[in-house]
Amino acid sequence: MHKEMDVAKRAKVIEWLKTEVVDHVSRLFKALWEGSTTRITDSLASLVVSSYVLGRRLGISYRDLDDSILEKLKKHQQDGHQLEDWYQDISTLEDHMRKR
């Protein structure tokens, strides 16, 4: 019975984290509408934190998530992503992540 309660608790936490991600996206959109840099930054930070924690609850380590992000950035660079071509956003982010 204890194992069943643990599974139910884990499922409930995952569902709660999913709603947190949606809530942070909603808050981000509102902050963008209002033009509040402070609220935009807070919303983006909350979204990133919730995404990492949700990944961990789903069995993905922070390191694996970081590695996957770096792989995605490399692929975007190789594929000639527009944000890289126009602003070098992809390579700048990759450089930032590698220096952490």
Protein backbone atom coordinates (compact mmCIF):
# COMPACT_ATOMS: atom_id res chain seq x y z
CA MET A 1 0.00 0.00 0.00
CA HIS A 2 2.91 2.37 0.76
CA LYS A 3 4.27 1.83 -2.76
CA GLU A 4 0.89 2.70 -4.28
CA MET A 5 0.77 5.92 -2.27
CA ASP A 6 4.28 6.82 -3.46
CA VAL A 7 3.31 6.25 -7.11
CA ALA A 8 0.18 8.36 -6.64
CA LYS A 9 2.20 11.11 -4.96
CA ARG A 10 4.77 11.13 -7.78
CA ALA A 11 2.01 11.29 -10.39
CA LYS A 12 0.35 14.16 -8.53
CA VAL A 13 3.64 16.08 -8.35
CA ILE A 14 4.21 15.62 -12.08
CA GLU A 15 0.71 16.89 -12.85
CA TRP A 16 1.27 19.87 -10.54
CA LEU A 17 4.58 20.69 -12.24
CA LYS A 18 2.90 20.56 -15.65
CA THR A 19 0.38 23.13 -14.49
CA GLU A 20 3.24 25.25 -13.12
CA VAL A 21 4.89 25.29 -16.57
CA VAL A 22 1.63 26.42 -18.18
CA ASP A 23 1.14 29.05 -15.47
CA HIS A 24 4.65 30.42 -16.01
CA VAL A 25 4.06 30.65 -19.75
CA SER A 26 0.85 32.55 -19.07
CA ARG A 27 2.64 34.92 -16.70
CA LEU A 28 5.37 35.41 -19.28
CA PHE A 29 2.83 36.38 -21.94
CA LYS A 30 1.19 38.85 -19.55
CA ALA A 31 4.57 40.33 -18.64
CA LEU A 32 5.43 40.69 -22.33
CA TRP A 33 2.12 42.48 -22.89
CA GLU A 34 2.85 44.83 -20.01
CA GLY A 35 6.48 45.32 -21.01
CA SER A 36 7.80 44.72 -17.50
CA THR A 37 11.42 43.58 -17.77
CA THR A 38 11.41 42.48 -14.14
CA ARG A 39 8.30 40.32 -14.58
CA ILE A 40 9.57 38.93 -17.90
CA THR A 41 12.85 37.91 -16.27
CA ASP A 42 11.04 36.39 -13.29
CA SER A 43 8.64 34.47 -15.53
CA LEU A 44 11.44 33.12 -17.72
CA ALA A 45 13.46 32.08 -14.66
CA SER A 46 10.42 30.33 -13.17
CA LEU A 47 9.75 28.56 -16.44
CA VAL A 48 13.34 27.29 -16.65
CA VAL A 49 13.32 26.12 -13.02
CA SER A 50 9.99 24.31 -13.43
CA SER A 51 11.21 22.67 -16.62
CA TYR A 52 14.34 21.35 -14.94
CA VAL A 53 12.43 20.07 -11.91
CA LEU A 54 9.77 18.46 -14.13
CA GLY A 55 12.54 16.75 -16.08
CA ARG A 56 14.06 15.45 -12.85
CA ARG A 57 10.70 14.12 -11.67
CA LEU A 58 10.43 12.33 -15.04
CA GLY A 59 13.82 10.70 -14.52
CA ILE A 60 16.01 13.09 -16.50
CA SER A 61 19.06 14.35 -14.64
CA TYR A 62 19.98 18.01 -14.75
CA ARG A 63 23.24 17.01 -16.46
CA ASP A 64 21.39 15.02 -19.14
CA LEU A 65 19.06 17.96 -19.74
CA ASP A 66 22.03 20.32 -20.03
CA ASP A 67 23.72 17.92 -22.47
CA SER A 68 20.56 17.68 -24.54
CA ILE A 69 20.27 21.46 -24.68
CA LEU A 70 23.88 21.72 -25.85
CA GLU A 71 23.24 19.09 -28.55
CA LYS A 72 20.18 21.02 -29.72
CA LEU A 73 22.19 24.25 -29.87
CA LYS A 74 24.88 22.54 -31.97
CA LYS A 75 22.25 21.17 -34.33
CA HIS A 76 20.67 24.61 -34.72
CA GLN A 77 24.06 26.05 -35.57
CA GLN A 78 24.74 23.31 -38.13
CA ASP A 79 21.30 23.74 -39.67
CA GLY A 80 21.75 27.49 -40.05
CA HIS A 81 19.04 28.56 -37.61
CA GLN A 82 17.84 32.09 -38.40
CA LEU A 83 18.50 33.38 -34.88
CA GLU A 84 22.10 32.27 -35.27
CA ASP A 85 22.43 33.83 -38.70
CA TRP A 86 20.87 37.12 -37.64
CA TYR A 87 22.02 37.59 -34.04
CA GLN A 88 24.37 34.69 -33.07
CA ASP A 89 21.94 33.85 -30.25
CA ILE A 90 22.56 30.12 -30.53
CA SER A 91 26.35 30.23 -30.30
CA THR A 92 26.18 32.86 -27.53
CA LEU A 93 23.91 30.61 -25.47
CA GLU A 94 26.09 27.58 -26.13
CA ASP A 95 29.16 29.54 -25.00
CA HIS A 96 27.31 30.66 -21.87
CA MET A 97 26.28 27.11 -21.00
CA ARG A 98 29.75 25.69 -21.53
CA LYS A 99 31.32 28.31 -19.23
CA ARG A 100 28.99 27.51 -16.30
